[in-house]
């Protein structure tokens, strides 16, 4: 691959069907010398799709989450 001079080179990927979850209870912080506990209950808020691009030259990551996976997004 030989991109022309001053070309913008991007590496693009998407991650679909990411579950959007919220814990039903806050993390419980016990006494000293014990680990924190989290409940197993959570609220579902649907799914999201993460789109990302990496500008290879600058190292800048561009990202956006969309709640719908359509051609118009």
Protein backbone atom coordinates (compact mmCIF):
# COMPACT_ATOMS: atom_id res chain seq x y z
CA UNK A 1 0.00 0.00 0.00
CA UNK A 2 1.41 3.32 -1.05
CA UNK A 3 -0.92 6.13 0.05
CA UNK A 4 -0.29 9.49 -1.64
CA UNK A 5 1.61 12.20 0.22
CA UNK A 6 -0.48 13.99 2.88
CA UNK A 7 -3.11 11.22 2.81
CA UNK A 8 -5.22 10.62 5.91
CA UNK A 9 -4.72 6.97 6.93
CA UNK A 10 -7.42 5.56 9.23
CA UNK A 11 -7.94 2.13 10.74
CA UNK A 12 -11.71 1.69 11.27
CA UNK A 13 -13.66 -0.93 13.25
CA UNK A 14 -17.04 -1.43 14.88
CA UNK A 15 -18.21 -3.41 17.89
CA UNK A 16 -21.91 -4.25 17.76
CA UNK A 17 -24.39 -5.51 20.34
CA UNK A 18 -22.69 -4.01 23.41
CA UNK A 19 -25.11 -4.43 26.31
CA UNK A 20 -25.83 -1.22 28.21
CA UNK A 21 -26.18 -2.32 31.84
CA UNK A 22 -26.57 -0.48 35.13
CA UNK A 23 -26.02 -2.14 38.51
CA UNK A 24 -29.18 -2.27 40.65
CA UNK A 25 -27.17 -1.41 43.77
CA UNK A 26 -24.00 0.54 44.37
CA UNK A 27 -20.75 -1.26 45.16
CA UNK A 28 -20.58 -2.25 48.83
CA UNK A 29 -17.29 -1.35 50.49
CA UNK A 30 -16.84 -3.52 53.60
CA UNK A 31 -14.46 -3.14 56.51
CA UNK A 32 -10.69 -3.08 56.05
CA UNK A 33 -8.89 -6.12 54.61
CA UNK A 34 -11.99 -7.35 52.72
CA UNK A 35 -12.75 -6.98 49.03
CA UNK A 36 -15.61 -4.88 47.67
CA UNK A 37 -18.86 -6.59 46.65
CA UNK A 38 -21.27 -5.90 43.81
CA UNK A 39 -24.78 -7.22 43.41
CA UNK A 40 -25.60 -9.53 40.53
CA UNK A 41 -28.75 -7.59 39.71
CA UNK A 42 -28.73 -5.01 36.94
CA UNK A 43 -31.05 -2.98 34.77
CA UNK A 44 -30.89 -3.42 30.99
CA UNK A 45 -30.87 -0.30 28.87
CA UNK A 46 -30.72 -2.01 25.45
CA UNK A 47 -27.65 -2.28 23.25
CA UNK A 48 -25.28 0.14 21.57
CA UNK A 49 -22.80 0.02 18.71
CA UNK A 50 -19.32 1.47 19.12
CA UNK A 51 -17.64 2.89 16.01
CA UNK A 52 -13.95 3.79 16.26
CA UNK A 53 -11.22 5.02 13.98
CA UNK A 54 -7.50 5.40 14.62
CA UNK A 55 -5.57 8.13 12.83
CA UNK A 56 -2.40 6.17 12.19
CA UNK A 57 -0.13 9.22 11.83
CA UNK A 58 -1.20 11.16 14.96
CA UNK A 59 -2.37 8.24 17.10
CA UNK A 60 -5.69 10.03 17.74
CA UNK A 61 -8.67 7.74 18.42
CA UNK A 62 -12.07 8.90 17.17
CA UNK A 63 -15.09 7.12 18.63
CA UNK A 64 -18.86 7.34 18.79
CA UNK A 65 -21.66 5.18 20.20
CA UNK A 66 -24.93 4.83 18.34
CA UNK A 67 -28.13 3.35 19.71
CA UNK A 68 -29.24 2.20 16.25
CA UNK A 69 -27.32 0.27 13.62
CA UNK A 70 -28.55 1.73 10.33
CA UNK A 71 -26.97 3.03 7.15
CA UNK A 72 -28.00 6.57 8.12
CA UNK A 73 -26.14 6.46 11.49
